[in-house]
Amino acid sequence: EVPTSGIPLKHLSKKIPQSTIEEVKCPICYNLIWDIVACNS
């Protein structure tokens, strides 16, 4: 069961600050980013 469109946020440790979660959340699927790529612009 390999993630494709991100790892559901419910699986994250509850100790992770919300500000950090916002940084690591995919703006498309709204899950934790998996297999990270970036727009170079």
PDB file of all heavy atoms in Angstrom:
ATOM      1  N   GLU A   1       0.846  -1.193   0.000  1.00  0.00           N
ATOM      2  CA  GLU A   1       0.000   0.000   0.000  1.00  0.00           C
ATOM      3  C   GLU A   1       0.884   1.247   0.000  1.00  0.00           C
ATOM      4  O   GLU A   1       1.029   1.954   0.995  1.00  0.00           O
ATOM      5  CB  GLU A   1      -0.930  -0.018   1.212  1.00  0.00           C
ATOM      6  CG  GLU A   1      -1.902  -1.201   1.205  1.00  0.00           C
ATOM      7  CD  GLU A   1      -2.764  -1.261   2.445  1.00  0.00           C
ATOM      8  OE1 GLU A   1      -2.914  -0.229   3.127  1.00  0.00           O
ATOM      9  OE2 GLU A   1      -3.294  -2.336   2.742  1.00  0.00           O
ATOM     10  N   VAL A   2       1.476   1.509  -1.150  1.00  0.00           N
ATOM     11  CA  VAL A   2       2.381   2.641  -1.284  1.00  0.00           C
ATOM     12  C   VAL A   2       1.581   3.900  -1.567  1.00  0.00           C
ATOM     13  O   VAL A   2       0.696   3.902  -2.423  1.00  0.00           O
ATOM     14  CB  VAL A   2       3.378   2.398  -2.441  1.00  0.00           C
ATOM     15  CG1 VAL A   2       4.312   3.580  -2.592  1.00  0.00           C
ATOM     16  CG2 VAL A   2       4.163   1.122  -2.194  1.00  0.00           C
ATOM     17  N   PRO A   3       1.865   4.993  -0.867  1.00  0.00           N
ATOM     18  CA  PRO A   3       1.128   6.232  -1.135  1.00  0.00           C
ATOM     19  C   PRO A   3       1.451   6.767  -2.524  1.00  0.00           C
ATOM     20  O   PRO A   3       2.566   6.632  -3.009  1.00  0.00           O
ATOM     21  CB  PRO A   3       1.621   7.185  -0.040  1.00  0.00           C
ATOM     22  CG  PRO A   3       2.948   6.640   0.379  1.00  0.00           C
ATOM     23  CD  PRO A   3       2.855   5.150   0.209  1.00  0.00           C
ATOM     24  N   THR A   4       0.464   7.342  -3.161  1.00  0.00           N
ATOM     25  CA  THR A   4       0.677   8.010  -4.456  1.00  0.00           C
ATOM     26  C   THR A   4       0.367   9.496  -4.291  1.00  0.00           C
ATOM     27  O   THR A   4       1.246  10.328  -4.397  1.00  0.00           O
ATOM     28  CB  THR A   4      -0.198   7.386  -5.556  1.00  0.00           C
ATOM     29  OG1 THR A   4      -1.568   7.326  -5.113  1.00  0.00           O
ATOM     30  CG2 THR A   4       0.290   5.986  -5.905  1.00  0.00           C
ATOM     31  N   SER A   5      -0.904   9.794  -4.020  1.00  0.00           N
ATOM     32  CA  SER A   5      -1.281  11.197  -3.854  1.00  0.00           C
ATOM     33  C   SER A   5      -1.187  11.620  -2.391  1.00  0.00           C
ATOM     34  O   SER A   5      -2.136  12.114  -1.794  1.00  0.00           O
ATOM     35  CB  SER A   5      -2.704  11.423  -4.374  1.00  0.00           C
ATOM     36  OG  SER A   5      -3.622  10.584  -3.702  1.00  0.00           O
ATOM     37  N   GLY A   6      -0.030  11.418  -1.803  1.00  0.00           N
ATOM     38  CA  GLY A   6       0.220  11.891  -0.444  1.00  0.00           C
ATOM     39  C   GLY A   6      -0.222  10.929   0.649  1.00  0.00           C
ATOM     40  O   GLY A   6      -1.032  10.040   0.445  1.00  0.00           O
ATOM     41  N   ILE A   7       0.332  11.149   1.843  1.00  0.00           N
ATOM     42  CA  ILE A   7      -0.006  10.356   3.026  1.00  0.00           C
ATOM     43  C   ILE A   7      -1.050  11.127   3.823  1.00  0.00           C
ATOM     44  O   ILE A   7      -0.828  12.294   4.171  1.00  0.00           O
ATOM     45  CB  ILE A   7       1.239  10.106   3.890  1.00  0.00           C
ATOM     46  CG1 ILE A   7       2.301   9.353   3.077  1.00  0.00           C
ATOM     47  CG2 ILE A   7       0.883   9.314   5.147  1.00  0.00           C
ATOM     48  CD1 ILE A   7       3.646   9.271   3.769  1.00  0.00           C
ATOM     49  N   PRO A   8      -2.210  10.530   4.123  1.00  0.00           N
ATOM     50  CA  PRO A   8      -3.248  11.246   4.876  1.00  0.00           C
ATOM     51  C   PRO A   8      -2.694  11.872   6.159  1.00  0.00           C
ATOM     52  O   PRO A   8      -1.920  11.245   6.888  1.00  0.00           O
ATOM     53  CB  PRO A   8      -4.270  10.151   5.187  1.00  0.00           C
ATOM     54  CG  PRO A   8      -4.110   9.174   4.072  1.00  0.00           C
ATOM     55  CD  PRO A   8      -2.628   9.170   3.761  1.00  0.00           C
ATOM     56  N   LEU A   9      -3.103  13.113   6.417  1.00  0.00           N
ATOM     57  CA  LEU A   9      -2.570  13.849   7.568  1.00  0.00           C
ATOM     58  C   LEU A   9      -2.902  13.178   8.895  1.00  0.00           C
ATOM     59  O   LEU A   9      -2.212  13.396   9.887  1.00  0.00           O
ATOM     60  CB  LEU A   9      -3.110  15.282   7.557  1.00  0.00           C
ATOM     61  CG  LEU A   9      -2.702  16.141   6.357  1.00  0.00           C
ATOM     62  CD1 LEU A   9      -3.302  17.533   6.477  1.00  0.00           C
ATOM     63  CD2 LEU A   9      -1.182  16.221   6.228  1.00  0.00           C
ATOM     64  N   LYS A  10      -3.940  12.359   8.913  1.00  0.00           N
ATOM     65  CA  LYS A  10      -4.316  11.670  10.160  1.00  0.00           C
ATOM     66  C   LYS A  10      -3.226  10.717  10.637  1.00  0.00           C
ATOM     67  O   LYS A  10      -3.210  10.316  11.808  1.00  0.00           O
ATOM     68  CB  LYS A  10      -5.632  10.914   9.988  1.00  0.00           C
ATOM     69  CG  LYS A  10      -5.563   9.757   9.005  1.00  0.00           C
ATOM     70  CD  LYS A  10      -6.913   9.069   8.864  1.00  0.00           C
ATOM     71  CE  LYS A  10      -6.844   7.886   7.885  1.00  0.00           C
ATOM     72  NZ  LYS A  10      -8.168   7.227   7.748  1.00  0.00           N
ATOM     73  N   HIS A  11      -2.307  10.345   9.737  1.00  0.00           N
ATOM     74  CA  HIS A  11      -1.225   9.431  10.110  1.00  0.00           C
ATOM     75  C   HIS A  11      -0.019  10.166  10.702  1.00  0.00           C
ATOM     76  O   HIS A  11       0.913   9.524  11.186  1.00  0.00           O
ATOM     77  CB  HIS A  11      -0.768   8.615   8.905  1.00  0.00           C
ATOM     78  CG  HIS A  11      -1.803   7.652   8.391  1.00  0.00           C
ATOM     79  ND1 HIS A  11      -2.441   6.740   9.195  1.00  0.00           N
ATOM     80  CD2 HIS A  11      -2.321   7.469   7.144  1.00  0.00           C
ATOM     81  CE1 HIS A  11      -3.298   6.033   8.486  1.00  0.00           C
ATOM     82  NE2 HIS A  11      -3.250   6.463   7.239  1.00  0.00           N
ATOM     83  N   LEU A  12      -0.029  11.482  10.666  1.00  0.00           N
ATOM     84  CA  LEU A  12       1.099  12.243  11.205  1.00  0.00           C
ATOM     85  C   LEU A  12       1.099  12.202  12.722  1.00  0.00           C
ATOM     86  O   LEU A  12       0.056  12.133  13.367  1.00  0.00           O
ATOM     87  CB  LEU A  12       1.030  13.698  10.746  1.00  0.00           C
ATOM     88  CG  LEU A  12       1.231  13.981   9.257  1.00  0.00           C
ATOM     89  CD1 LEU A  12       1.205  15.479   9.013  1.00  0.00           C
ATOM     90  CD2 LEU A  12       2.531  13.397   8.769  1.00  0.00           C
ATOM     91  N   SER A  13       2.298  12.275  13.294  1.00  0.00           N
ATOM     92  CA  SER A  13       2.421  12.375  14.744  1.00  0.00           C
ATOM     93  C   SER A  13       1.709  13.628  15.224  1.00  0.00           C
ATOM     94  O   SER A  13       1.794  14.698  14.603  1.00  0.00           O
ATOM     95  CB  SER A  13       3.903  12.439  15.134  1.00  0.00           C
ATOM     96  OG  SER A  13       4.043  12.813  16.484  1.00  0.00           O
ATOM     97  N   LYS A  14       0.984  13.499  16.317  1.00  0.00           N
ATOM     98  CA  LYS A  14       0.229  14.637  16.858  1.00  0.00           C
ATOM     99  C   LYS A  14       1.151  15.705  17.444  1.00  0.00           C
ATOM    100  O   LYS A  14       0.705  16.808  17.781  1.00  0.00           O
ATOM    101  CB  LYS A  14      -0.764  14.145  17.911  1.00  0.00           C
ATOM    102  CG  LYS A  14      -1.816  13.193  17.355  1.00  0.00           C
ATOM    103  CD  LYS A  14      -2.873  12.869  18.383  1.00  0.00           C
ATOM    104  CE  LYS A  14      -3.874  11.843  17.849  1.00  0.00           C
ATOM    105  NZ  LYS A  14      -4.523  12.272  16.607  1.00  0.00           N
ATOM    106  N   LYS A  15       2.430  15.386  17.567  1.00  0.00           N
ATOM    107  CA  LYS A  15       3.391  16.344  18.121  1.00  0.00           C
ATOM    108  C   LYS A  15       3.884  17.343  17.077  1.00  0.00           C
ATOM    109  O   LYS A  15       4.582  18.304  17.418  1.00  0.00           O
ATOM    110  CB  LYS A  15       4.579  15.591  18.729  1.00  0.00           C
ATOM    111  CG  LYS A  15       4.205  14.737  19.939  1.00  0.00           C
ATOM    112  CD  LYS A  15       5.434  14.043  20.512  1.00  0.00           C
ATOM    113  CE  LYS A  15       5.064  13.192  21.725  1.00  0.00           C
ATOM    114  NZ  LYS A  15       6.265  12.508  22.306  1.00  0.00           N
ATOM    115  N   ILE A  16       3.548  17.119  15.819  1.00  0.00           N
ATOM    116  CA  ILE A  16       4.013  18.024  14.762  1.00  0.00           C
ATOM    117  C   ILE A  16       3.197  19.309  14.798  1.00  0.00           C
ATOM    118  O   ILE A  16       1.955  19.264  14.738  1.00  0.00           O
ATOM    119  CB  ILE A  16       3.886  17.358  13.381  1.00  0.00           C
ATOM    120  CG1 ILE A  16       4.750  16.092  13.332  1.00  0.00           C
ATOM    121  CG2 ILE A  16       4.292  18.324  12.271  1.00  0.00           C
ATOM    122  CD1 ILE A  16       4.612  15.305  12.047  1.00  0.00           C
ATOM    123  N   PRO A  17       3.837  20.473  14.891  1.00  0.00           N
ATOM    124  CA  PRO A  17       3.112  21.746  14.940  1.00  0.00           C
ATOM    125  C   PRO A  17       2.306  21.985  13.664  1.00  0.00           C
ATOM    126  O   PRO A  17       2.693  21.554  12.575  1.00  0.00           O
ATOM    127  CB  PRO A  17       4.235  22.785  15.071  1.00  0.00           C
ATOM    128  CG  PRO A  17       5.439  22.028  15.523  1.00  0.00           C
ATOM    129  CD  PRO A  17       5.292  20.640  14.983  1.00  0.00           C
ATOM    130  N   GLN A  18       1.191  22.690  13.809  1.00  0.00           N
ATOM    131  CA  GLN A  18       0.348  22.973  12.655  1.00  0.00           C
ATOM    132  C   GLN A  18       1.097  23.777  11.591  1.00  0.00           C
ATOM    133  O   GLN A  18       0.896  23.574  10.390  1.00  0.00           O
ATOM    134  CB  GLN A  18      -0.903  23.749  13.099  1.00  0.00           C
ATOM    135  CG  GLN A  18      -1.924  23.988  11.999  1.00  0.00           C
ATOM    136  CD  GLN A  18      -2.475  22.702  11.411  1.00  0.00           C
ATOM    137  OE1 GLN A  18      -2.683  21.725  12.130  1.00  0.00           O
ATOM    138  NE2 GLN A  18      -2.710  22.695  10.107  1.00  0.00           N
ATOM    139  N   SER A  19       1.985  24.658  12.038  1.00  0.00           N
ATOM    140  CA  SER A  19       2.747  25.465  11.084  1.00  0.00           C
ATOM    141  C   SER A  19       3.634  24.592  10.200  1.00  0.00           C
ATOM    142  O   SER A  19       3.806  24.847   9.001  1.00  0.00           O
ATOM    143  CB  SER A  19       3.616  26.487  11.829  1.00  0.00           C
ATOM    144  OG  SER A  19       4.500  25.838  12.732  1.00  0.00           O
ATOM    145  N   THR A  20       4.184  23.520  10.797  1.00  0.00           N
ATOM    146  CA  THR A  20       5.005  22.589  10.023  1.00  0.00           C
ATOM    147  C   THR A  20       4.145  21.786   9.058  1.00  0.00           C
ATOM    148  O   THR A  20       4.537  21.546   7.907  1.00  0.00           O
ATOM    149  CB  THR A  20       5.769  21.631  10.957  1.00  0.00           C
ATOM    150  OG1 THR A  20       6.608  22.386  11.834  1.00  0.00           O
ATOM    151  CG2 THR A  20       6.624  20.650  10.167  1.00  0.00           C
ATOM    152  N   ILE A  21       2.968  21.383   9.523  1.00  0.00           N
ATOM    153  CA  ILE A  21       2.055  20.625   8.664  1.00  0.00           C
ATOM    154  C   ILE A  21       1.705  21.413   7.408  1.00  0.00           C
ATOM    155  O   ILE A  21       1.664  20.877   6.301  1.00  0.00           O
ATOM    156  CB  ILE A  21       0.773  20.238   9.437  1.00  0.00           C
ATOM    157  CG1 ILE A  21       1.109  19.216  10.536  1.00  0.00           C
ATOM    158  CG2 ILE A  21      -0.282  19.657   8.493  1.00  0.00           C
ATOM    159  CD1 ILE A  21      -0.053  18.843  11.424  1.00  0.00           C
ATOM    160  N   GLU A  22       1.492  22.725   7.575  1.00  0.00           N
ATOM    161  CA  GLU A  22       1.161  23.556   6.416  1.00  0.00           C
ATOM    162  C   GLU A  22       2.306  23.587   5.409  1.00  0.00           C
ATOM    163  O   GLU A  22       2.079  23.678   4.199  1.00  0.00           O
ATOM    164  CB  GLU A  22       0.813  24.971   6.878  1.00  0.00           C
ATOM    165  CG  GLU A  22      -0.482  25.067   7.677  1.00  0.00           C
ATOM    166  CD  GLU A  22      -1.686  24.562   6.905  1.00  0.00           C
ATOM    167  OE1 GLU A  22      -1.780  24.861   5.693  1.00  0.00           O
ATOM    168  OE2 GLU A  22      -2.525  23.848   7.500  1.00  0.00           O
ATOM    169  N   GLU A  23       3.534  23.495   5.898  1.00  0.00           N
ATOM    170  CA  GLU A  23       4.700  23.526   5.013  1.00  0.00           C
ATOM    171  C   GLU A  23       4.879  22.238   4.224  1.00  0.00           C
ATOM    172  O   GLU A  23       5.436  22.254   3.125  1.00  0.00           O
ATOM    173  CB  GLU A  23       5.970  23.789   5.825  1.00  0.00           C
ATOM    174  CG  GLU A  23       6.095  25.194   6.376  1.00  0.00           C
ATOM    175  CD  GLU A  23       7.455  25.405   7.030  1.00  0.00           C
ATOM    176  OE1 GLU A  23       8.441  25.547   6.283  1.00  0.00           O
ATOM    177  OE2 GLU A  23       7.518  25.405   8.276  1.00  0.00           O
ATOM    178  N   VAL A  24       4.423  21.124   4.808  1.00  0.00           N
ATOM    179  CA  VAL A  24       4.663  19.819   4.169  1.00  0.00           C
ATOM    180  C   VAL A  24       3.397  19.245   3.529  1.00  0.00           C
ATOM    181  O   VAL A  24       3.374  18.087   3.129  1.00  0.00           O
ATOM    182  CB  VAL A  24       5.233  18.810   5.196  1.00  0.00           C
ATOM    183  CG1 VAL A  24       6.572  19.278   5.718  1.00  0.00           C
ATOM    184  CG2 VAL A  24       4.255  18.575   6.357  1.00  0.00           C
ATOM    185  N   LYS A  25       2.373  20.055   3.409  1.00  0.00           N
ATOM    186  CA  LYS A  25       1.106  19.602   2.837  1.00  0.00           C
ATOM    187  C   LYS A  25       1.048  19.931   1.344  1.00  0.00           C
ATOM    188  O   LYS A  25       1.332  21.047   0.928  1.00  0.00           O
ATOM    189  CB  LYS A  25      -0.063  20.274   3.569  1.00  0.00           C
ATOM    190  CG  LYS A  25      -1.426  19.780   3.142  1.00  0.00           C
ATOM    191  CD  LYS A  25      -2.515  20.232   4.112  1.00  0.00           C
ATOM    192  CE  LYS A  25      -2.676  21.735   4.119  1.00  0.00           C
ATOM    193  NZ  LYS A  25      -3.822  22.151   4.960  1.00  0.00           N
ATOM    194  N   CYS A  26       0.677  18.953   0.549  1.00  0.00           N
ATOM    195  CA  CYS A  26       0.565  19.150  -0.903  1.00  0.00           C
ATOM    196  C   CYS A  26      -0.617  20.068  -1.194  1.00  0.00           C
ATOM    197  O   CYS A  26      -1.732  19.820  -0.705  1.00  0.00           O
ATOM    198  CB  CYS A  26       0.368  17.810  -1.607  1.00  0.00           C
ATOM    199  SG  CYS A  26       0.071  17.929  -3.384  1.00  0.00           S
ATOM    200  N   PRO A  27      -0.431  21.139  -1.988  1.00  0.00           N
ATOM    201  CA  PRO A  27      -1.528  22.057  -2.296  1.00  0.00           C
ATOM    202  C   PRO A  27      -2.561  21.479  -3.262  1.00  0.00           C
ATOM    203  O   PRO A  27      -3.575  22.121  -3.528  1.00  0.00           O
ATOM    204  CB  PRO A  27      -0.801  23.257  -2.917  1.00  0.00           C
ATOM    205  CG  PRO A  27       0.455  22.704  -3.480  1.00  0.00           C
ATOM    206  CD  PRO A  27       0.853  21.575  -2.571  1.00  0.00           C
ATOM    207  N   ILE A  28      -2.310  20.266  -3.752  1.00  0.00           N
ATOM    208  CA  ILE A  28      -3.278  19.636  -4.663  1.00  0.00           C
ATOM    209  C   ILE A  28      -4.139  18.615  -3.936  1.00  0.00           C
ATOM    210  O   ILE A  28      -5.365  18.657  -4.005  1.00  0.00           O
ATOM    211  CB  ILE A  28      -2.552  18.977  -5.853  1.00  0.00           C
ATOM    212  CG1 ILE A  28      -1.810  20.039  -6.677  1.00  0.00           C
ATOM    213  CG2 ILE A  28      -3.555  18.223  -6.750  1.00  0.00           C
ATOM    214  CD1 ILE A  28      -0.978  19.488  -7.811  1.00  0.00           C
ATOM    215  N   CYS A  29      -3.507  17.679  -3.218  1.00  0.00           N
ATOM    216  CA  CYS A  29      -4.274  16.631  -2.528  1.00  0.00           C
ATOM    217  C   CYS A  29      -4.499  16.939  -1.055  1.00  0.00           C
ATOM    218  O   CYS A  29      -5.292  16.269  -0.395  1.00  0.00           O
ATOM    219  CB  CYS A  29      -3.584  15.270  -2.675  1.00  0.00           C
ATOM    220  SG  CYS A  29      -2.009  15.129  -1.766  1.00  0.00           S
ATOM    221  N   TYR A  30      -3.784  17.936  -0.525  1.00  0.00           N
ATOM    222  CA  TYR A  30      -3.886  18.354   0.883  1.00  0.00           C
ATOM    223  C   TYR A  30      -3.462  17.269   1.863  1.00  0.00           C
ATOM    224  O   TYR A  30      -3.861  17.266   3.020  1.00  0.00           O
ATOM    225  CB  TYR A  30      -5.313  18.841   1.211  1.00  0.00           C
ATOM    226  CG  TYR A  30      -5.758  19.972   0.325  1.00  0.00           C
ATOM    227  CD1 TYR A  30      -6.719  19.768  -0.655  1.00  0.00           C
ATOM    228  CD2 TYR A  30      -5.198  21.245   0.442  1.00  0.00           C
ATOM    229  CE1 TYR A  30      -7.113  20.809  -1.499  1.00  0.00           C
ATOM    230  CE2 TYR A  30      -5.592  22.294  -0.388  1.00  0.00           C
ATOM    231  CZ  TYR A  30      -6.550  22.058  -1.355  1.00  0.00           C
ATOM    232  OH  TYR A  30      -6.934  23.077  -2.171  1.00  0.00           O
ATOM    233  N   ASN A  31      -2.666  16.327   1.383  1.00  0.00           N
ATOM    234  CA  ASN A  31      -2.053  15.319   2.248  1.00  0.00           C
ATOM    235  C   ASN A  31      -0.570  15.638   2.411  1.00  0.00           C
ATOM    236  O   ASN A  31      -0.044  16.539   1.759  1.00  0.00           O
ATOM    237  CB  ASN A  31      -2.210  13.920   1.642  1.00  0.00           C
ATOM    238  CG  ASN A  31      -3.645  13.439   1.648  1.00  0.00           C
ATOM    239  OD1 ASN A  31      -4.391  13.710   2.583  1.00  0.00           O
ATOM    240  ND2 ASN A  31      -4.033  12.718   0.608  1.00  0.00           N
ATOM    241  N   LEU A  32       0.094  14.876   3.284  1.00  0.00           N
ATOM    242  CA  LEU A  32       1.539  15.003   3.413  1.00  0.00           C
ATOM    243  C   LEU A  32       2.188  14.640   2.087  1.00  0.00           C
ATOM    244  O   LEU A  32       1.904  13.584   1.512  1.00  0.00           O
ATOM    245  CB  LEU A  32       2.045  14.080   4.520  1.00  0.00           C
ATOM    246  CG  LEU A  32       3.569  13.991   4.704  1.00  0.00           C
ATOM    247  CD1 LEU A  32       4.140  15.332   5.151  1.00  0.00           C
ATOM    248  CD2 LEU A  32       3.922  12.894   5.706  1.00  0.00           C
ATOM    249  N   ILE A  33       3.048  15.505   1.584  1.00  0.00           N
ATOM    250  CA  ILE A  33       3.646  15.289   0.273  1.00  0.00           C
ATOM    251  C   ILE A  33       4.462  13.996   0.251  1.00  0.00           C
ATOM    252  O   ILE A  33       5.232  13.717   1.169  1.00  0.00           O
ATOM    253  CB  ILE A  33       4.551  16.479  -0.119  1.00  0.00           C
ATOM    254  CG1 ILE A  33       3.716  17.756  -0.240  1.00  0.00           C
ATOM    255  CG2 ILE A  33       5.276  16.212  -1.427  1.00  0.00           C
ATOM    256  CD1 ILE A  33       4.547  19.006  -0.428  1.00  0.00           C
ATOM    257  N   TRP A  34       4.280  13.238  -0.816  1.00  0.00           N
ATOM    258  CA  TRP A  34       5.045  12.014  -1.015  1.00  0.00           C
ATOM    259  C   TRP A  34       5.738  12.087  -2.365  1.00  0.00           C
ATOM    260  O   TRP A  34       5.123  12.428  -3.370  1.00  0.00           O
ATOM    261  CB  TRP A  34       4.125  10.794  -0.961  1.00  0.00           C
ATOM    262  CG  TRP A  34       4.865   9.505  -1.096  1.00  0.00           C
ATOM    263  CD1 TRP A  34       4.903   8.687  -2.182  1.00  0.00           C
ATOM    264  CD2 TRP A  34       5.706   8.902  -0.109  1.00  0.00           C
ATOM    265  NE1 TRP A  34       5.707   7.592  -1.936  1.00  0.00           N
ATOM    266  CE2 TRP A  34       6.203   7.699  -0.672  1.00  0.00           C
ATOM    267  CE3 TRP A  34       6.077   9.234   1.185  1.00  0.00           C
ATOM    268  CZ2 TRP A  34       7.066   6.854   0.024  1.00  0.00           C
ATOM    269  CZ3 TRP A  34       6.927   8.393   1.874  1.00  0.00           C
ATOM    270  CH2 TRP A  34       7.408   7.212   1.301  1.00  0.00           C
ATOM    271  N   ASP A  35       7.013  11.766  -2.398  1.00  0.00           N
ATOM    272  CA  ASP A  35       7.826  11.853  -3.610  1.00  0.00           C
ATOM    273  C   ASP A  35       7.874  13.322  -4.052  1.00  0.00           C
ATOM    274  O   ASP A  35       7.270  13.722  -5.039  1.00  0.00           O
ATOM    275  CB  ASP A  35       7.252  10.956  -4.711  1.00  0.00           C
ATOM    276  CG  ASP A  35       8.292  10.637  -5.784  1.00  0.00           C
ATOM    277  OD1 ASP A  35       9.455  11.038  -5.621  1.00  0.00           O
ATOM    278  OD2 ASP A  35       7.929   9.990  -6.783  1.00  0.00           O
ATOM    279  N   ILE A  36       8.643  14.096  -3.322  1.00  0.00           N
ATOM    280  CA  ILE A  36       8.612  15.562  -3.405  1.00  0.00           C
ATOM    281  C   ILE A  36       9.228  16.097  -4.696  1.00  0.00           C
ATOM    282  O   ILE A  36      10.350  15.728  -5.061  1.00  0.00           O
ATOM    283  CB  ILE A  36       9.392  16.172  -2.220  1.00  0.00           C
ATOM    284  CG1 ILE A  36       9.012  15.497  -0.908  1.00  0.00           C
ATOM    285  CG2 ILE A  36       9.183  17.673  -2.135  1.00  0.00           C
ATOM    286  CD1 ILE A  36      10.016  15.714   0.205  1.00  0.00           C
ATOM    287  N   VAL A  37       8.493  16.965  -5.380  1.00  0.00           N
ATOM    288  CA  VAL A  37       9.039  17.740  -6.492  1.00  0.00           C
ATOM    289  C   VAL A  37       8.620  19.196  -6.301  1.00  0.00           C
ATOM    290  O   VAL A  37       7.629  19.487  -5.621  1.00  0.00           O
ATOM    291  CB  VAL A  37       8.552  17.231  -7.872  1.00  0.00           C
ATOM    292  CG1 VAL A  37       9.114  15.868  -8.183  1.00  0.00           C
ATOM    293  CG2 VAL A  37       7.033  17.227  -7.950  1.00  0.00           C
ATOM    294  N   ALA A  38       9.392  20.112  -6.898  1.00  0.00           N
ATOM    295  CA  ALA A  38       9.122  21.536  -6.738  1.00  0.00           C
ATOM    296  C   ALA A  38       9.085  22.239  -8.087  1.00  0.00           C
ATOM    297  O   ALA A  38       9.759  21.839  -9.038  1.00  0.00           O
ATOM    298  CB  ALA A  38      10.192  22.177  -5.847  1.00  0.00           C
ATOM    299  N   CYS A  39       8.272  23.290  -8.149  1.00  0.00           N
ATOM    300  CA  CYS A  39       8.275  24.175  -9.316  1.00  0.00           C
ATOM    301  C   CYS A  39       9.499  25.078  -9.193  1.00  0.00           C
ATOM    302  O   CYS A  39       9.685  25.742  -8.167  1.00  0.00           O
ATOM    303  CB  CYS A  39       6.991  25.017  -9.341  1.00  0.00           C
ATOM    304  SG  CYS A  39       7.020  26.343 -10.550  1.00  0.00           S
ATOM    305  N   ASN A  40      10.352  25.104 -10.213  1.00  0.00           N
ATOM    306  CA  ASN A  40      11.577  25.885 -10.082  1.00  0.00           C
ATOM    307  C   ASN A  40      11.339  27.389 -10.271  1.00  0.00           C
ATOM    308  O   ASN A  40      12.266  28.191 -10.136  1.00  0.00           O
ATOM    309  CB  ASN A  40      12.673  25.386 -11.028  1.00  0.00           C
ATOM    310  CG  ASN A  40      12.382  25.690 -12.495  1.00  0.00           C
ATOM    311  OD1 ASN A  40      11.299  26.156 -12.844  1.00  0.00           O
ATOM    312  ND2 ASN A  40      13.355  25.405 -13.340  1.00  0.00           N
ATOM    313  N   SER A  41      10.086  27.783 -10.552  1.00  0.00           N
ATOM    314  CA  SER A  41       9.764  29.214 -10.657  1.00  0.00           C
ATOM    315  C   SER A  41       9.366  29.799  -9.306  1.00  0.00           C
ATOM    316  O   SER A  41       9.850  30.867  -8.915  1.00  0.00           O
ATOM    317  CB  SER A  41       8.630  29.440 -11.662  1.00  0.00           C
ATOM    318  OG  SER A  41       9.034  29.084 -12.961  1.00  0.00           O
TER     319      SER A  41
END
